Each structure stands twice: as C-alpha cells, then as structure tokens.
Amino acid sequence: HIKKLLLVRKGQRYLSKGNYNLCRIEYLSAMFPDALFIVPVRHPVTHVYSLVREHRLFNEYSEQDGRVPICLSAAGHYEFGPQRVPINLSGEGGLRITHAWERGDEFRGYAIQWAVVYGFVAWLMNNQLEIAKRILVVRYEDFCDNRHQNEDQEK
C-alpha cells in the first residue's frame, strides 16, 4: 500500500504519524530496510493528560453519534472511546492498563501504557542494534517550540 501511494503521488518519502506504529517498528524495518523512524517522546504528564482528554472527547462523540465507534474501529483505531483497547506490548503491561481503566483510573492506565510503549522503544534501542541505528528519539516539546525558528529568522 505504501509503495502504491508513493508511486501514484510520485513521492520519495512516506511519513506516518501513529502511536500504533511504534509497536510495528521491527516489522516495518524488515519491510523497508532503508526506512528511518522518528520517535517523538512527549513528557509523560502532559502526554497522559492529553490521552485522557482525547478518550473523554471520543466517549462524548460516541454518545452523540453511534457511528463514531464504528468509524474508529474501521480505521483500526482503538486507543480512545468506548471500544478502547490498550496498546499491549507485554501481557503484564496490558493487564495493568486494563485493570486501571476498569477501576476508573484513566490517568494510571494511560501512564502505564506510556511506560510500556516507550519502554519497548528503549528495549529496541538497546537490543536491536541494526534497528536502533535507524531510530531517532526526539523530545516532542522541541517540535512544538518555535523559539529556534524565530531566532533563525532574526539573524
């Protein structure tokens, strides 16, 4: 599919932003041996708050329009809303996330998920050295900070 998109659009690069793609780095790396992976890591507190807010919004949207969960499922997006499923990279981590959510502790569940997901990236960086060479981990906040762009414009 990606190769078809590049061909049709006469593109050289494909950029995909998706939390689930972190789980697929090994597979994508094998499929695309020249691919580079940019992994923005957001501060866990602000990231968890954002995830909780999005989940609440998608629950509200779903209450207002029953098609929302159907569309999310059709898109393979299960991170938010009533059909939410944790990103599960380890059996124990997935259980801990699910148990927190079942207790109504959205923040703890998403915090555990943050730790599991970025723990997996750290594991890749330490144990899959060929893949690690192709992963660039950057601070999310640096992407959002335009201070450096403004400094360059003033020069």
N, C-alpha and C. Protein backbone atom coordinates (compact mmCIF):
# COMPACT_ATOMS: atom_id res chain seq x y z
N HIS A 1 0.83 -1.19 0.00
CA HIS A 1 0.00 0.00 0.00
C HIS A 1 0.87 1.26 0.00
N ILE A 2 1.90 1.24 0.83
CA ILE A 2 2.78 2.41 0.91
C ILE A 2 3.50 2.62 -0.42
N LYS A 3 3.99 1.54 -1.01
CA LYS A 3 4.68 1.67 -2.30
C LYS A 3 3.73 2.19 -3.38
N LYS A 4 2.47 1.76 -3.34
CA LYS A 4 1.48 2.24 -4.31
C LYS A 4 1.24 3.74 -4.11
N LEU A 5 1.11 4.18 -2.86
CA LEU A 5 0.92 5.60 -2.59
C LEU A 5 2.09 6.44 -3.12
N LEU A 6 3.30 5.96 -2.87
CA LEU A 6 4.47 6.69 -3.35
C LEU A 6 4.48 6.77 -4.88
N LEU A 7 4.15 5.68 -5.54
CA LEU A 7 4.13 5.64 -7.00
C LEU A 7 3.06 6.59 -7.55
N VAL A 8 1.85 6.49 -7.04
CA VAL A 8 0.74 7.30 -7.53
C VAL A 8 1.00 8.79 -7.31
N ARG A 9 1.58 9.11 -6.16
CA ARG A 9 1.82 10.52 -5.82
C ARG A 9 3.20 11.01 -6.22
N LYS A 10 3.94 10.13 -6.91
CA LYS A 10 5.30 10.46 -7.36
C LYS A 10 6.16 10.94 -6.18
N GLY A 11 6.02 10.23 -5.07
CA GLY A 11 6.72 10.60 -3.87
C GLY A 11 7.98 9.79 -3.64
N GLN A 12 8.83 10.33 -2.82
CA GLN A 12 10.07 9.65 -2.44
C GLN A 12 10.05 9.22 -0.99
N ARG A 13 9.19 9.87 -0.20
CA ARG A 13 9.14 9.60 1.23
C ARG A 13 7.69 9.40 1.66
N TYR A 14 7.56 8.64 2.72
CA TYR A 14 6.24 8.40 3.31
C TYR A 14 6.36 8.69 4.79
N LEU A 15 5.54 9.57 5.28
CA LEU A 15 5.56 9.93 6.69
C LEU A 15 4.24 9.50 7.30
N SER A 16 4.33 8.77 8.38
CA SER A 16 3.13 8.28 9.05
C SER A 16 3.24 8.58 10.53
N LYS A 17 2.23 9.25 11.05
CA LYS A 17 2.18 9.51 12.49
C LYS A 17 1.13 8.58 13.06
N GLY A 18 1.54 7.70 13.92
CA GLY A 18 0.57 6.81 14.53
C GLY A 18 1.18 6.11 15.72
N ASN A 19 0.50 6.19 16.84
CA ASN A 19 1.02 5.56 18.05
C ASN A 19 1.22 4.07 17.87
N TYR A 20 0.36 3.44 17.09
CA TYR A 20 0.48 2.00 16.89
C TYR A 20 1.73 1.64 16.10
N ASN A 21 2.25 2.58 15.31
CA ASN A 21 3.43 2.29 14.51
C ASN A 21 4.66 1.99 15.37
N LEU A 22 4.69 2.51 16.59
CA LEU A 22 5.80 2.17 17.49
C LEU A 22 5.86 0.67 17.72
N CYS A 23 4.71 0.05 17.78
CA CYS A 23 4.65 -1.40 18.01
C CYS A 23 5.10 -2.19 16.79
N ARG A 24 5.13 -1.53 15.66
CA ARG A 24 5.42 -2.20 14.38
C ARG A 24 6.82 -1.90 13.85
N ILE A 25 7.64 -1.24 14.63
CA ILE A 25 8.94 -0.83 14.11
C ILE A 25 9.75 -2.01 13.57
N GLU A 26 9.75 -3.13 14.29
CA GLU A 26 10.52 -4.28 13.81
C GLU A 26 10.00 -4.77 12.47
N TYR A 27 8.70 -4.87 12.35
CA TYR A 27 8.08 -5.33 11.09
C TYR A 27 8.35 -4.33 9.97
N LEU A 28 8.11 -3.05 10.24
CA LEU A 28 8.32 -2.02 9.22
C LEU A 28 9.79 -1.95 8.81
N SER A 29 10.66 -2.16 9.77
CA SER A 29 12.09 -2.15 9.48
C SER A 29 12.46 -3.27 8.51
N ALA A 30 11.86 -4.43 8.69
CA ALA A 30 12.11 -5.56 7.78
C ALA A 30 11.51 -5.30 6.41
N MET A 31 10.34 -4.69 6.36
CA MET A 31 9.67 -4.42 5.08
C MET A 31 10.36 -3.30 4.30
N PHE A 32 10.89 -2.33 5.04
CA PHE A 32 11.51 -1.16 4.42
C PHE A 32 12.90 -0.97 5.00
N PRO A 33 13.90 -1.68 4.45
CA PRO A 33 15.23 -1.67 5.05
C PRO A 33 15.93 -0.31 5.03
N ASP A 34 15.41 0.64 4.26
CA ASP A 34 16.02 1.98 4.25
C ASP A 34 15.20 2.99 5.05
N ALA A 35 14.15 2.52 5.73
CA ALA A 35 13.28 3.42 6.50
C ALA A 35 14.00 3.95 7.73
N LEU A 36 13.68 5.19 8.06
CA LEU A 36 14.13 5.82 9.30
C LEU A 36 12.90 6.06 10.16
N PHE A 37 13.06 5.97 11.46
CA PHE A 37 11.95 6.11 12.38
C PHE A 37 12.23 7.25 13.34
N ILE A 38 11.38 8.26 13.29
CA ILE A 38 11.48 9.39 14.20
C ILE A 38 10.46 9.16 15.30
N VAL A 39 10.93 9.08 16.53
CA VAL A 39 10.04 8.80 17.66
C VAL A 39 10.02 10.02 18.58
N PRO A 40 8.96 10.83 18.44
CA PRO A 40 8.85 11.95 19.38
C PRO A 40 8.33 11.44 20.73
N VAL A 41 9.00 11.82 21.79
CA VAL A 41 8.58 11.41 23.13
C VAL A 41 8.12 12.65 23.88
N ARG A 42 6.86 12.63 24.24
CA ARG A 42 6.27 13.75 24.96
C ARG A 42 6.43 13.52 26.46
N HIS A 43 6.56 14.59 27.21
CA HIS A 43 6.67 14.48 28.66
C HIS A 43 5.49 13.64 29.15
N PRO A 44 5.74 12.66 30.01
CA PRO A 44 4.66 11.73 30.38
C PRO A 44 3.45 12.40 31.01
N VAL A 45 3.64 13.44 31.80
CA VAL A 45 2.49 14.07 32.46
C VAL A 45 1.58 14.74 31.42
N THR A 46 2.16 15.54 30.54
CA THR A 46 1.33 16.20 29.54
C THR A 46 0.78 15.21 28.53
N HIS A 47 1.53 14.17 28.24
CA HIS A 47 1.04 13.15 27.31
C HIS A 47 -0.16 12.41 27.89
N VAL A 48 -0.05 12.01 29.14
CA VAL A 48 -1.14 11.28 29.79
C VAL A 48 -2.39 12.16 29.87
N TYR A 49 -2.23 13.41 30.25
CA TYR A 49 -3.39 14.31 30.30
C TYR A 49 -4.04 14.43 28.93
N SER A 50 -3.24 14.52 27.89
CA SER A 50 -3.77 14.61 26.53
C SER A 50 -4.53 13.34 26.15
N LEU A 51 -3.98 12.19 26.49
CA LEU A 51 -4.66 10.92 26.18
C LEU A 51 -5.99 10.81 26.91
N VAL A 52 -6.02 11.19 28.17
CA VAL A 52 -7.26 11.14 28.95
C VAL A 52 -8.29 12.09 28.33
N ARG A 53 -7.86 13.28 27.98
CA ARG A 53 -8.77 14.26 27.36
C ARG A 53 -9.34 13.71 26.05
N GLU A 54 -8.49 13.13 25.21
CA GLU A 54 -8.97 12.57 23.94
C GLU A 54 -9.96 11.43 24.17
N HIS A 55 -9.67 10.59 25.14
CA HIS A 55 -10.58 9.48 25.45
C HIS A 55 -11.95 10.02 25.86
N ARG A 56 -11.95 11.02 26.71
CA ARG A 56 -13.22 11.61 27.16
C ARG A 56 -13.98 12.23 25.99
N LEU A 57 -13.25 12.92 25.11
CA LEU A 57 -13.90 13.52 23.94
C LEU A 57 -14.52 12.45 23.04
N PHE A 58 -13.78 11.38 22.78
CA PHE A 58 -14.32 10.34 21.91
C PHE A 58 -15.48 9.60 22.56
N ASN A 59 -15.48 9.50 23.87
CA ASN A 59 -16.65 8.94 24.55
C ASN A 59 -17.86 9.86 24.36
N GLU A 60 -17.65 11.17 24.50
CA GLU A 60 -18.74 12.12 24.29
C GLU A 60 -19.25 12.07 22.85
N TYR A 61 -18.31 12.07 21.89
CA TYR A 61 -18.71 12.00 20.48
C TYR A 61 -19.51 10.73 20.22
N SER A 62 -19.09 9.63 20.83
CA SER A 62 -19.75 8.34 20.63
C SER A 62 -21.16 8.35 21.20
N GLU A 63 -21.37 9.05 22.32
CA GLU A 63 -22.71 9.16 22.90
C GLU A 63 -23.63 9.98 22.00
N GLN A 64 -23.05 10.97 21.34
CA GLN A 64 -23.83 11.85 20.46
C GLN A 64 -24.10 11.22 19.09
N ASP A 65 -23.18 10.38 18.64
CA ASP A 65 -23.29 9.79 17.31
C ASP A 65 -22.77 8.36 17.35
N GLY A 66 -23.67 7.41 17.24
CA GLY A 66 -23.31 5.99 17.33
C GLY A 66 -22.39 5.51 16.22
N ARG A 67 -22.19 6.34 15.19
CA ARG A 67 -21.28 5.94 14.10
C ARG A 67 -19.82 6.13 14.46
N VAL A 68 -19.55 6.93 15.47
CA VAL A 68 -18.16 7.23 15.82
C VAL A 68 -17.38 5.97 16.17
N PRO A 69 -17.86 5.10 17.07
CA PRO A 69 -17.10 3.88 17.37
C PRO A 69 -16.92 2.98 16.14
N ILE A 70 -17.92 2.97 15.28
CA ILE A 70 -17.83 2.16 14.06
C ILE A 70 -16.72 2.69 13.16
N CYS A 71 -16.67 4.00 13.01
CA CYS A 71 -15.61 4.62 12.19
C CYS A 71 -14.23 4.39 12.79
N LEU A 72 -14.13 4.54 14.11
CA LEU A 72 -12.84 4.31 14.76
C LEU A 72 -12.39 2.86 14.58
N SER A 73 -13.31 1.94 14.74
CA SER A 73 -12.97 0.52 14.56
C SER A 73 -12.57 0.24 13.12
N ALA A 74 -13.31 0.81 12.17
CA ALA A 74 -13.00 0.60 10.75
C ALA A 74 -11.61 1.12 10.41
N ALA A 75 -11.19 2.17 11.11
CA ALA A 75 -9.86 2.74 10.88
C ALA A 75 -8.79 2.01 11.68
N GLY A 76 -9.21 1.03 12.49
CA GLY A 76 -8.25 0.30 13.32
C GLY A 76 -7.72 1.13 14.47
N HIS A 77 -8.53 2.06 14.93
CA HIS A 77 -8.10 2.97 15.99
C HIS A 77 -8.86 2.65 17.27
N TYR A 78 -8.15 2.06 18.20
CA TYR A 78 -8.78 1.60 19.44
C TYR A 78 -8.22 2.27 20.68
N GLU A 79 -7.49 3.35 20.51
CA GLU A 79 -6.84 3.98 21.65
C GLU A 79 -7.80 4.81 22.51
N PHE A 80 -8.91 5.24 21.90
CA PHE A 80 -9.86 6.10 22.61
C PHE A 80 -11.28 5.62 22.36
N GLY A 81 -12.19 6.07 23.21
CA GLY A 81 -13.59 5.80 23.00
C GLY A 81 -14.06 4.52 23.67
N PRO A 82 -15.34 4.20 23.51
CA PRO A 82 -15.92 3.06 24.22
C PRO A 82 -15.35 1.70 23.80
N GLN A 83 -14.74 1.62 22.64
CA GLN A 83 -14.15 0.36 22.18
C GLN A 83 -12.64 0.30 22.45
N ARG A 84 -12.18 1.14 23.35
CA ARG A 84 -10.75 1.27 23.67
C ARG A 84 -10.13 -0.06 24.08
N VAL A 85 -8.92 -0.29 23.57
CA VAL A 85 -8.12 -1.45 23.91
C VAL A 85 -6.70 -0.93 24.16
N PRO A 86 -6.04 -1.37 25.22
CA PRO A 86 -4.69 -0.84 25.47
C PRO A 86 -3.69 -1.30 24.41
N ILE A 87 -2.70 -0.46 24.18
CA ILE A 87 -1.57 -0.89 23.36
C ILE A 87 -0.81 -1.87 24.25
N ASN A 88 -0.75 -3.10 23.80
CA ASN A 88 -0.26 -4.18 24.67
C ASN A 88 1.02 -4.78 24.08
N LEU A 89 2.13 -4.41 24.65
CA LEU A 89 3.42 -4.94 24.20
C LEU A 89 3.97 -5.99 25.15
N SER A 90 3.28 -6.18 26.26
CA SER A 90 3.65 -7.23 27.19
C SER A 90 2.37 -7.65 27.90
N GLY A 91 2.21 -8.92 28.16
CA GLY A 91 1.00 -9.40 28.81
C GLY A 91 0.73 -8.69 30.12
N GLU A 92 1.77 -8.55 30.93
CA GLU A 92 1.60 -7.91 32.24
C GLU A 92 1.21 -6.45 32.09
N GLY A 93 1.87 -5.73 31.18
CA GLY A 93 1.55 -4.32 30.98
C GLY A 93 0.12 -4.12 30.54
N GLY A 94 -0.33 -4.94 29.59
CA GLY A 94 -1.70 -4.85 29.12
C GLY A 94 -2.71 -5.10 30.22
N LEU A 95 -2.42 -6.06 31.09
CA LEU A 95 -3.32 -6.36 32.21
C LEU A 95 -3.36 -5.19 33.20
N ARG A 96 -2.20 -4.63 33.48
CA ARG A 96 -2.16 -3.50 34.43
C ARG A 96 -2.93 -2.30 33.88
N ILE A 97 -2.80 -2.05 32.58
CA ILE A 97 -3.54 -0.94 31.96
C ILE A 97 -5.04 -1.21 32.06
N THR A 98 -5.44 -2.40 31.67
CA THR A 98 -6.86 -2.76 31.69
C THR A 98 -7.44 -2.68 33.09
N HIS A 99 -6.71 -3.18 34.07
CA HIS A 99 -7.20 -3.13 35.45
C HIS A 99 -7.36 -1.69 35.93
N ALA A 100 -6.42 -0.82 35.59
CA ALA A 100 -6.54 0.59 35.99
C ALA A 100 -7.78 1.20 35.35
N TRP A 101 -7.99 0.96 34.08
CA TRP A 101 -9.15 1.52 33.40
C TRP A 101 -10.45 0.96 33.97
N GLU A 102 -10.45 -0.33 34.28
CA GLU A 102 -11.66 -0.94 34.85
C GLU A 102 -12.02 -0.31 36.20
N ARG A 103 -11.00 0.14 36.94
CA ARG A 103 -11.22 0.81 38.22
C ARG A 103 -11.57 2.28 38.04
N GLY A 104 -11.60 2.74 36.79
CA GLY A 104 -11.91 4.14 36.52
C GLY A 104 -10.71 5.06 36.63
N ASP A 105 -9.51 4.50 36.73
CA ASP A 105 -8.30 5.30 36.86
C ASP A 105 -7.67 5.49 35.48
N GLU A 106 -8.25 6.42 34.75
CA GLU A 106 -7.79 6.69 33.37
C GLU A 106 -6.33 7.12 33.35
N PHE A 107 -5.97 7.99 34.29
CA PHE A 107 -4.61 8.53 34.30
C PHE A 107 -3.59 7.43 34.53
N ARG A 108 -3.83 6.57 35.51
CA ARG A 108 -2.88 5.48 35.78
C ARG A 108 -2.77 4.54 34.59
N GLY A 109 -3.90 4.20 33.99
CA GLY A 109 -3.88 3.31 32.83
C GLY A 109 -3.05 3.87 31.69
N TYR A 110 -3.29 5.13 31.36
CA TYR A 110 -2.51 5.74 30.27
C TYR A 110 -1.05 5.95 30.66
N ALA A 111 -0.79 6.20 31.94
CA ALA A 111 0.61 6.34 32.39
C ALA A 111 1.35 5.01 32.25
N ILE A 112 0.68 3.93 32.61
CA ILE A 112 1.30 2.61 32.43
C ILE A 112 1.54 2.35 30.95
N GLN A 113 0.55 2.70 30.13
CA GLN A 113 0.72 2.49 28.69
C GLN A 113 1.89 3.30 28.16
N TRP A 114 2.03 4.55 28.60
CA TRP A 114 3.16 5.39 28.18
C TRP A 114 4.47 4.67 28.53
N ALA A 115 4.56 4.16 29.75
CA ALA A 115 5.79 3.49 30.19
C ALA A 115 6.05 2.22 29.38
N VAL A 116 5.01 1.47 29.09
CA VAL A 116 5.16 0.23 28.32
C VAL A 116 5.62 0.55 26.90
N VAL A 117 4.98 1.51 26.26
CA VAL A 117 5.31 1.84 24.87
C VAL A 117 6.74 2.36 24.75
N TYR A 118 7.09 3.32 25.59
CA TYR A 118 8.44 3.88 25.46
C TYR A 118 9.49 2.96 26.08
N GLY A 119 9.08 2.08 26.97
CA GLY A 119 9.97 1.02 27.43
C GLY A 119 10.32 0.07 26.28
N PHE A 120 9.34 -0.19 25.43
CA PHE A 120 9.58 -1.02 24.24
C PHE A 120 10.57 -0.34 23.29
N VAL A 121 10.39 0.97 23.09
CA VAL A 121 11.34 1.70 22.23
C VAL A 121 12.74 1.62 22.83
N ALA A 122 12.86 1.80 24.14
CA ALA A 122 14.17 1.69 24.80
C ALA A 122 14.74 0.29 24.62
N TRP A 123 13.89 -0.73 24.74
CA TRP A 123 14.35 -2.10 24.53
C TRP A 123 14.89 -2.27 23.10
N LEU A 124 14.17 -1.75 22.12
CA LEU A 124 14.66 -1.81 20.73
C LEU A 124 16.02 -1.13 20.60
N MET A 125 16.14 0.03 21.21
CA MET A 125 17.38 0.80 21.11
C MET A 125 18.56 0.04 21.74
N ASN A 126 18.28 -0.76 22.76
CA ASN A 126 19.34 -1.48 23.46
C ASN A 126 19.58 -2.90 22.95
N ASN A 127 18.60 -3.49 22.29
CA ASN A 127 18.71 -4.91 21.93
C ASN A 127 18.62 -5.20 20.44
N GLN A 128 18.15 -4.29 19.67
CA GLN A 128 18.05 -4.47 18.22
C GLN A 128 18.93 -3.42 17.56
N LEU A 129 20.23 -3.64 17.62
CA LEU A 129 21.18 -2.59 17.26
C LEU A 129 21.06 -2.14 15.81
N GLU A 130 20.74 -3.03 14.90
CA GLU A 130 20.58 -2.62 13.50
C GLU A 130 19.37 -1.71 13.34
N ILE A 131 18.31 -2.03 14.04
CA ILE A 131 17.13 -1.17 14.00
C ILE A 131 17.41 0.13 14.76
N ALA A 132 18.10 0.04 15.87
CA ALA A 132 18.39 1.22 16.70
C ALA A 132 19.11 2.30 15.91
N LYS A 133 19.95 1.90 14.97
CA LYS A 133 20.68 2.87 14.14
C LYS A 133 19.72 3.71 13.29
N ARG A 134 18.52 3.21 13.11
CA ARG A 134 17.55 3.89 12.23
C ARG A 134 16.45 4.59 13.02
N ILE A 135 16.59 4.63 14.34
CA ILE A 135 15.60 5.29 15.20
C ILE A 135 16.20 6.57 15.75
N LEU A 136 15.46 7.65 15.58
CA LEU A 136 15.84 8.92 16.17
C LEU A 136 14.78 9.29 17.19
N VAL A 137 15.17 9.36 18.46
CA VAL A 137 14.26 9.74 19.53
C VAL A 137 14.45 11.23 19.79
N VAL A 138 13.34 11.98 19.74
CA VAL A 138 13.40 13.42 19.97
C VAL A 138 12.33 13.83 20.97
N ARG A 139 12.55 14.94 21.61
CA ARG A 139 11.55 15.47 22.54
C ARG A 139 10.41 16.09 21.74
N TYR A 140 9.21 15.68 22.02
CA TYR A 140 8.01 16.22 21.37
C TYR A 140 7.95 17.74 21.54
N GLU A 141 8.30 18.20 22.74
CA GLU A 141 8.22 19.62 23.04
C GLU A 141 9.14 20.44 22.13
N ASP A 142 10.24 19.84 21.68
CA ASP A 142 11.13 20.55 20.76
C ASP A 142 10.46 20.80 19.42
N PHE A 143 9.60 19.86 18.98
CA PHE A 143 8.84 20.07 17.75
C PHE A 143 7.89 21.26 17.89
N CYS A 144 7.35 21.42 19.06
CA CYS A 144 6.34 22.45 19.29
C CYS A 144 6.94 23.81 19.62
N ASP A 145 8.21 23.83 19.96
CA ASP A 145 8.88 25.05 20.37
C ASP A 145 9.40 25.77 19.13
N ASN A 146 8.81 26.91 18.80
CA ASN A 146 9.25 27.64 17.60
C ASN A 146 10.28 28.71 17.92
N ARG A 147 10.78 28.71 19.14
CA ARG A 147 11.76 29.71 19.56
C ARG A 147 12.98 29.68 18.64
N HIS A 148 13.47 28.48 18.31
CA HIS A 148 14.66 28.38 17.47
C HIS A 148 14.37 28.88 16.06
N GLN A 149 13.18 28.63 15.58
CA GLN A 149 12.79 29.12 14.25
C GLN A 149 12.80 30.64 14.26
N ASN A 150 12.27 31.26 15.30
CA ASN A 150 12.25 32.71 15.40
C ASN A 150 13.66 33.29 15.49
N GLU A 151 14.55 32.61 16.22
CA GLU A 151 15.93 33.07 16.32
C GLU A 151 16.59 33.06 14.97
N ASP A 152 16.34 32.03 14.17
CA ASP A 152 16.92 31.94 12.83
C ASP A 152 16.40 33.06 11.94
N GLN A 153 15.13 33.40 12.06
CA GLN A 153 14.54 34.45 11.23
C GLN A 153 15.11 35.82 11.59
N GLU A 154 15.49 36.00 12.85
CA GLU A 154 16.03 37.31 13.27
C GLU A 154 17.45 37.52 12.77
N LYS A 155 18.15 36.45 12.47
CA LYS A 155 19.55 36.58 12.04
C LYS A 155 19.70 37.04 10.62
